Every structure is written in C-alpha cells, then in structure tokens.
Amino acid sequence: TVSGEHLTWFKSILRYGKQNSDIKHIFVQAHLPIIQPVRIVNSSGQFFDSAQESDFWKIMNWYGVDVYFAGDVHSNTATKSSYNGSNLVQVVTRGNAINNFLTVDI
C-alpha cells in the first residue's frame, strides 16, 4: 500500500508531469500488479492492496499515467484500466530464470 507522505510525494511528481508540456508520457514502475487477473508462473501471485480501488491506482488514472509496469508474477500480461476516459495500461512482465527485455514503442 502507498499512503501518507509517500502518496503525497507520488501525487506531486505526477502533478508536475501532467503540467509540464515537455513531458509527453508518464510511466510508473513498481513490483506488484494492480489489475487482476494476470498470468502467474512460479510466483506467490501477490497483488497490490485494494487493487483498482487503491488511492495509488486512482491517482495514476487521475493524473494521466500512460503505462504502469509491474512484475512479480513471472509472466506477461497487458490490461487497460476500466476507469472512464483513462488510457492507463498495466504491463506486467516476466523476469524469472530467463533473461528478458521488454521493448515498448510509443
């Protein structure tokens, strides 16, 4: 869970990104997936507390985050936010015993 001072700091960073015309895209990266379901391979299947109802997810939608990158589940899944008017996509990527890289074309 992201709350308190951490959430306040996070909002300030996203606010800056949204207001700065030089910033074309906003990406956020964390360990745990938020939107479910995702593919799970040899993983605990741990998810972010409160999922899409978390303040963290709501704030990313509000401030126009483009992509939220996560891992933990050792498989690949991409899911679009269900919030009305949001273009936020959660991209969960693998990274277990196999080296891999993710390329995203914008």
N, C-alpha and C. Protein backbone atom coordinates (compact mmCIF):
# COMPACT_ATOMS: atom_id res chain seq x y z
N THR A 1 0.84 -1.19 0.00
CA THR A 1 0.00 0.00 0.00
C THR A 1 0.88 1.24 0.00
N VAL A 2 0.50 2.22 -0.79
CA VAL A 2 1.17 3.52 -0.79
C VAL A 2 0.21 4.49 -0.13
N SER A 3 0.65 5.13 0.95
CA SER A 3 -0.23 6.04 1.69
C SER A 3 0.59 7.13 2.38
N GLY A 4 -0.11 8.05 3.01
CA GLY A 4 0.54 9.10 3.79
C GLY A 4 1.50 9.95 2.97
N GLU A 5 2.69 10.17 3.53
CA GLU A 5 3.69 11.02 2.88
C GLU A 5 4.14 10.47 1.52
N HIS A 6 4.19 9.15 1.41
CA HIS A 6 4.59 8.56 0.13
C HIS A 6 3.57 8.87 -0.96
N LEU A 7 2.29 8.78 -0.61
CA LEU A 7 1.24 9.08 -1.59
C LEU A 7 1.23 10.57 -1.94
N THR A 8 1.46 11.42 -0.96
CA THR A 8 1.54 12.86 -1.20
C THR A 8 2.69 13.17 -2.15
N TRP A 9 3.85 12.56 -1.92
CA TRP A 9 5.00 12.76 -2.80
C TRP A 9 4.68 12.26 -4.21
N PHE A 10 4.08 11.08 -4.31
CA PHE A 10 3.73 10.50 -5.60
C PHE A 10 2.80 11.44 -6.38
N LYS A 11 1.80 11.97 -5.72
CA LYS A 11 0.88 12.92 -6.37
C LYS A 11 1.62 14.15 -6.88
N SER A 12 2.56 14.64 -6.09
CA SER A 12 3.30 15.85 -6.51
C SER A 12 4.13 15.57 -7.76
N ILE A 13 4.72 14.39 -7.86
CA ILE A 13 5.51 14.02 -9.05
C ILE A 13 4.60 13.91 -10.27
N LEU A 14 3.45 13.25 -10.11
CA LEU A 14 2.53 13.10 -11.23
C LEU A 14 1.93 14.44 -11.65
N ARG A 15 1.65 15.29 -10.68
CA ARG A 15 1.12 16.63 -10.99
C ARG A 15 2.12 17.41 -11.84
N TYR A 16 3.39 17.35 -11.45
CA TYR A 16 4.44 18.01 -12.22
C TYR A 16 4.49 17.47 -13.64
N GLY A 17 4.43 16.14 -13.77
CA GLY A 17 4.47 15.52 -15.09
C GLY A 17 3.31 15.93 -15.97
N LYS A 18 2.15 16.06 -15.38
CA LYS A 18 0.96 16.43 -16.15
C LYS A 18 1.00 17.89 -16.58
N GLN A 19 1.57 18.75 -15.74
CA GLN A 19 1.60 20.19 -16.01
C GLN A 19 2.75 20.61 -16.92
N ASN A 20 3.79 19.78 -17.04
CA ASN A 20 4.97 20.13 -17.82
C ASN A 20 4.76 19.70 -19.27
N SER A 21 4.65 20.66 -20.16
CA SER A 21 4.38 20.36 -21.57
C SER A 21 5.53 19.63 -22.28
N ASP A 22 6.73 19.63 -21.68
CA ASP A 22 7.86 18.91 -22.27
C ASP A 22 7.76 17.40 -22.02
N ILE A 23 6.94 16.99 -21.06
CA ILE A 23 6.78 15.58 -20.74
C ILE A 23 5.62 15.03 -21.55
N LYS A 24 5.94 14.11 -22.46
CA LYS A 24 4.93 13.56 -23.39
C LYS A 24 4.23 12.33 -22.85
N HIS A 25 4.91 11.53 -22.03
CA HIS A 25 4.34 10.30 -21.49
C HIS A 25 4.77 10.15 -20.04
N ILE A 26 3.90 9.53 -19.24
CA ILE A 26 4.21 9.27 -17.84
C ILE A 26 4.17 7.77 -17.62
N PHE A 27 5.28 7.22 -17.12
CA PHE A 27 5.39 5.80 -16.80
C PHE A 27 5.63 5.65 -15.30
N VAL A 28 5.04 4.64 -14.73
CA VAL A 28 5.27 4.30 -13.32
C VAL A 28 5.66 2.83 -13.28
N GLN A 29 6.65 2.51 -12.44
CA GLN A 29 7.09 1.13 -12.30
C GLN A 29 7.08 0.75 -10.83
N ALA A 30 6.53 -0.42 -10.53
CA ALA A 30 6.55 -0.97 -9.17
C ALA A 30 6.61 -2.49 -9.30
N HIS A 31 6.69 -3.16 -8.19
CA HIS A 31 6.87 -4.60 -8.23
C HIS A 31 5.56 -5.37 -8.45
N LEU A 32 4.51 -4.97 -7.76
CA LEU A 32 3.27 -5.77 -7.75
C LEU A 32 2.26 -5.31 -8.79
N PRO A 33 1.59 -6.25 -9.45
CA PRO A 33 0.48 -5.91 -10.33
C PRO A 33 -0.68 -5.34 -9.52
N ILE A 34 -1.50 -4.52 -10.18
CA ILE A 34 -2.68 -3.96 -9.53
C ILE A 34 -3.95 -4.57 -10.11
N ILE A 35 -4.10 -4.50 -11.44
CA ILE A 35 -5.29 -5.06 -12.09
C ILE A 35 -5.17 -6.58 -12.13
N GLN A 36 -6.27 -7.24 -11.83
CA GLN A 36 -6.34 -8.69 -11.93
C GLN A 36 -7.42 -9.05 -12.94
N PRO A 37 -7.35 -10.18 -13.58
CA PRO A 37 -6.35 -11.23 -13.42
C PRO A 37 -5.11 -10.98 -14.27
N VAL A 38 -4.02 -11.62 -13.91
CA VAL A 38 -2.81 -11.66 -14.72
C VAL A 38 -2.33 -13.11 -14.76
N ARG A 39 -1.52 -13.42 -15.75
CA ARG A 39 -0.93 -14.76 -15.83
C ARG A 39 0.11 -14.90 -14.71
N ILE A 40 0.15 -16.06 -14.07
CA ILE A 40 1.07 -16.31 -12.96
C ILE A 40 1.86 -17.58 -13.24
N VAL A 41 3.21 -17.48 -13.16
CA VAL A 41 4.07 -18.63 -13.36
C VAL A 41 5.09 -18.67 -12.22
N ASN A 42 5.09 -19.73 -11.43
CA ASN A 42 6.05 -19.90 -10.34
C ASN A 42 6.19 -18.65 -9.48
N SER A 43 5.08 -18.15 -8.99
CA SER A 43 5.07 -16.92 -8.23
C SER A 43 4.07 -17.02 -7.08
N SER A 44 4.24 -16.15 -6.11
CA SER A 44 3.29 -16.10 -5.00
C SER A 44 1.93 -15.55 -5.45
N GLY A 45 1.93 -14.83 -6.56
CA GLY A 45 0.68 -14.24 -7.03
C GLY A 45 0.24 -13.08 -6.16
N GLN A 46 1.18 -12.42 -5.55
CA GLN A 46 0.87 -11.28 -4.67
C GLN A 46 0.41 -10.09 -5.51
N PHE A 47 -0.58 -9.36 -5.01
CA PHE A 47 -1.11 -8.19 -5.70
C PHE A 47 -1.12 -6.99 -4.77
N PHE A 48 -1.27 -5.84 -5.37
CA PHE A 48 -1.35 -4.57 -4.65
C PHE A 48 -2.63 -4.53 -3.82
N ASP A 49 -2.54 -4.10 -2.56
CA ASP A 49 -3.72 -3.99 -1.69
C ASP A 49 -4.79 -3.10 -2.32
N SER A 50 -6.01 -3.52 -2.25
CA SER A 50 -7.20 -2.79 -2.73
C SER A 50 -7.26 -2.67 -4.25
N ALA A 51 -6.29 -3.20 -4.94
CA ALA A 51 -6.30 -3.27 -6.41
C ALA A 51 -6.72 -1.94 -7.05
N GLN A 52 -7.71 -2.00 -7.94
CA GLN A 52 -8.15 -0.80 -8.67
C GLN A 52 -8.87 0.21 -7.78
N GLU A 53 -9.20 -0.17 -6.57
CA GLU A 53 -9.83 0.76 -5.64
C GLU A 53 -8.81 1.48 -4.76
N SER A 54 -7.53 1.15 -4.93
CA SER A 54 -6.49 1.80 -4.13
C SER A 54 -6.33 3.26 -4.56
N ASP A 55 -5.96 4.10 -3.61
CA ASP A 55 -5.69 5.50 -3.94
C ASP A 55 -4.56 5.61 -4.96
N PHE A 56 -3.59 4.72 -4.87
CA PHE A 56 -2.46 4.70 -5.79
C PHE A 56 -2.94 4.56 -7.23
N TRP A 57 -3.83 3.60 -7.51
CA TRP A 57 -4.36 3.37 -8.86
C TRP A 57 -5.24 4.53 -9.30
N LYS A 58 -6.09 4.99 -8.41
CA LYS A 58 -6.99 6.10 -8.74
C LYS A 58 -6.21 7.36 -9.12
N ILE A 59 -5.14 7.63 -8.39
CA ILE A 59 -4.31 8.81 -8.66
C ILE A 59 -3.62 8.68 -10.02
N MET A 60 -3.14 7.49 -10.36
CA MET A 60 -2.50 7.31 -11.66
C MET A 60 -3.50 7.58 -12.79
N ASN A 61 -4.73 7.13 -12.63
CA ASN A 61 -5.76 7.41 -13.63
C ASN A 61 -6.05 8.91 -13.70
N TRP A 62 -6.17 9.54 -12.56
CA TRP A 62 -6.49 10.98 -12.50
C TRP A 62 -5.42 11.84 -13.18
N TYR A 63 -4.15 11.50 -12.95
CA TYR A 63 -3.05 12.31 -13.49
C TYR A 63 -2.57 11.85 -14.86
N GLY A 64 -3.27 10.94 -15.48
CA GLY A 64 -2.97 10.58 -16.86
C GLY A 64 -1.73 9.74 -17.08
N VAL A 65 -1.41 8.87 -16.13
CA VAL A 65 -0.28 7.96 -16.34
C VAL A 65 -0.60 7.10 -17.56
N ASP A 66 0.40 6.91 -18.42
CA ASP A 66 0.21 6.13 -19.64
C ASP A 66 0.39 4.64 -19.41
N VAL A 67 1.47 4.26 -18.72
CA VAL A 67 1.75 2.85 -18.52
C VAL A 67 2.23 2.63 -17.09
N TYR A 68 1.67 1.59 -16.45
CA TYR A 68 2.13 1.12 -15.16
C TYR A 68 2.81 -0.23 -15.39
N PHE A 69 4.12 -0.31 -15.14
CA PHE A 69 4.88 -1.53 -15.30
C PHE A 69 4.99 -2.26 -13.96
N ALA A 70 4.77 -3.57 -13.98
CA ALA A 70 4.89 -4.38 -12.77
C ALA A 70 5.54 -5.71 -13.13
N GLY A 71 5.82 -6.49 -12.11
CA GLY A 71 6.44 -7.80 -12.31
C GLY A 71 5.83 -8.81 -11.36
N ASP A 72 6.65 -9.49 -10.59
CA ASP A 72 6.32 -10.45 -9.55
C ASP A 72 5.74 -11.76 -10.06
N VAL A 73 4.87 -11.74 -11.05
CA VAL A 73 4.16 -12.96 -11.44
C VAL A 73 4.88 -13.81 -12.49
N HIS A 74 6.01 -13.33 -12.99
CA HIS A 74 6.86 -14.08 -13.90
C HIS A 74 6.18 -14.50 -15.20
N SER A 75 5.30 -13.66 -15.67
CA SER A 75 4.63 -13.89 -16.94
C SER A 75 4.23 -12.54 -17.53
N ASN A 76 3.77 -12.54 -18.76
CA ASN A 76 3.43 -11.28 -19.44
C ASN A 76 1.92 -11.11 -19.57
N THR A 77 1.42 -9.95 -19.18
CA THR A 77 0.01 -9.61 -19.33
C THR A 77 -0.09 -8.10 -19.50
N ALA A 78 -0.94 -7.65 -20.39
CA ALA A 78 -1.24 -6.21 -20.54
C ALA A 78 -2.74 -6.03 -20.39
N THR A 79 -3.14 -5.05 -19.55
CA THR A 79 -4.55 -4.81 -19.26
C THR A 79 -4.82 -3.32 -19.22
N LYS A 80 -5.88 -2.88 -19.88
CA LYS A 80 -6.26 -1.46 -19.88
C LYS A 80 -7.14 -1.17 -18.67
N SER A 81 -6.94 0.00 -18.10
CA SER A 81 -7.75 0.44 -16.96
C SER A 81 -9.22 0.54 -17.37
N SER A 82 -10.10 0.23 -16.44
CA SER A 82 -11.53 0.31 -16.70
C SER A 82 -12.11 1.67 -16.34
N TYR A 83 -11.28 2.60 -15.84
CA TYR A 83 -11.77 3.92 -15.49
C TYR A 83 -12.18 4.68 -16.74
N ASN A 84 -13.34 5.28 -16.72
CA ASN A 84 -13.88 6.03 -17.86
C ASN A 84 -12.93 7.16 -18.26
N GLY A 85 -12.54 7.17 -19.52
CA GLY A 85 -11.67 8.22 -20.03
C GLY A 85 -10.19 7.99 -19.80
N SER A 86 -9.83 6.93 -19.11
CA SER A 86 -8.42 6.65 -18.83
C SER A 86 -7.81 5.83 -19.95
N ASN A 87 -6.55 6.14 -20.28
CA ASN A 87 -5.79 5.35 -21.25
C ASN A 87 -4.69 4.53 -20.57
N LEU A 88 -4.71 4.48 -19.25
CA LEU A 88 -3.69 3.78 -18.49
C LEU A 88 -3.70 2.28 -18.80
N VAL A 89 -2.51 1.74 -19.07
CA VAL A 89 -2.35 0.32 -19.33
C VAL A 89 -1.36 -0.24 -18.30
N GLN A 90 -1.75 -1.35 -17.68
CA GLN A 90 -0.83 -2.08 -16.81
C GLN A 90 -0.11 -3.12 -17.66
N VAL A 91 1.22 -3.09 -17.64
CA VAL A 91 2.03 -4.06 -18.36
C VAL A 91 2.83 -4.84 -17.32
N VAL A 92 2.52 -6.12 -17.21
CA VAL A 92 3.22 -6.99 -16.27
C VAL A 92 4.16 -7.87 -17.08
N THR A 93 5.42 -7.88 -16.70
CA THR A 93 6.42 -8.62 -17.48
C THR A 93 7.14 -9.65 -16.63
N ARG A 94 7.66 -10.64 -17.32
CA ARG A 94 8.35 -11.74 -16.66
C ARG A 94 9.79 -11.37 -16.32
N GLY A 95 10.43 -12.16 -15.52
CA GLY A 95 11.82 -11.94 -15.20
C GLY A 95 12.34 -13.01 -14.26
N ASN A 96 12.03 -14.25 -14.51
CA ASN A 96 12.49 -15.32 -13.63
C ASN A 96 13.87 -15.81 -14.06
N ALA A 97 14.07 -17.08 -14.24
CA ALA A 97 15.40 -17.62 -14.57
C ALA A 97 15.84 -17.28 -15.99
N ILE A 98 14.95 -16.75 -16.79
CA ILE A 98 15.27 -16.41 -18.17
C ILE A 98 15.48 -14.90 -18.27
N ASN A 99 16.63 -14.50 -18.80
CA ASN A 99 16.84 -13.07 -19.04
C ASN A 99 15.90 -12.62 -20.14
N ASN A 100 15.32 -11.47 -19.96
CA ASN A 100 14.45 -10.95 -21.00
C ASN A 100 14.38 -9.44 -20.90
N PHE A 101 14.00 -8.83 -21.99
CA PHE A 101 13.87 -7.39 -22.07
C PHE A 101 12.53 -7.08 -22.69
N LEU A 102 11.95 -5.98 -22.29
CA LEU A 102 10.67 -5.54 -22.84
C LEU A 102 10.93 -4.30 -23.67
N THR A 103 10.42 -4.29 -24.89
CA THR A 103 10.51 -3.13 -25.75
C THR A 103 9.12 -2.58 -25.94
N VAL A 104 8.96 -1.28 -25.70
CA VAL A 104 7.67 -0.62 -25.85
C VAL A 104 7.83 0.51 -26.86
N ASP A 105 7.08 0.45 -27.94
CA ASP A 105 7.09 1.51 -28.94
C ASP A 105 5.96 2.48 -28.66
N ILE A 106 6.28 3.75 -28.58
CA ILE A 106 5.29 4.79 -28.29
C ILE A 106 5.02 5.59 -29.53
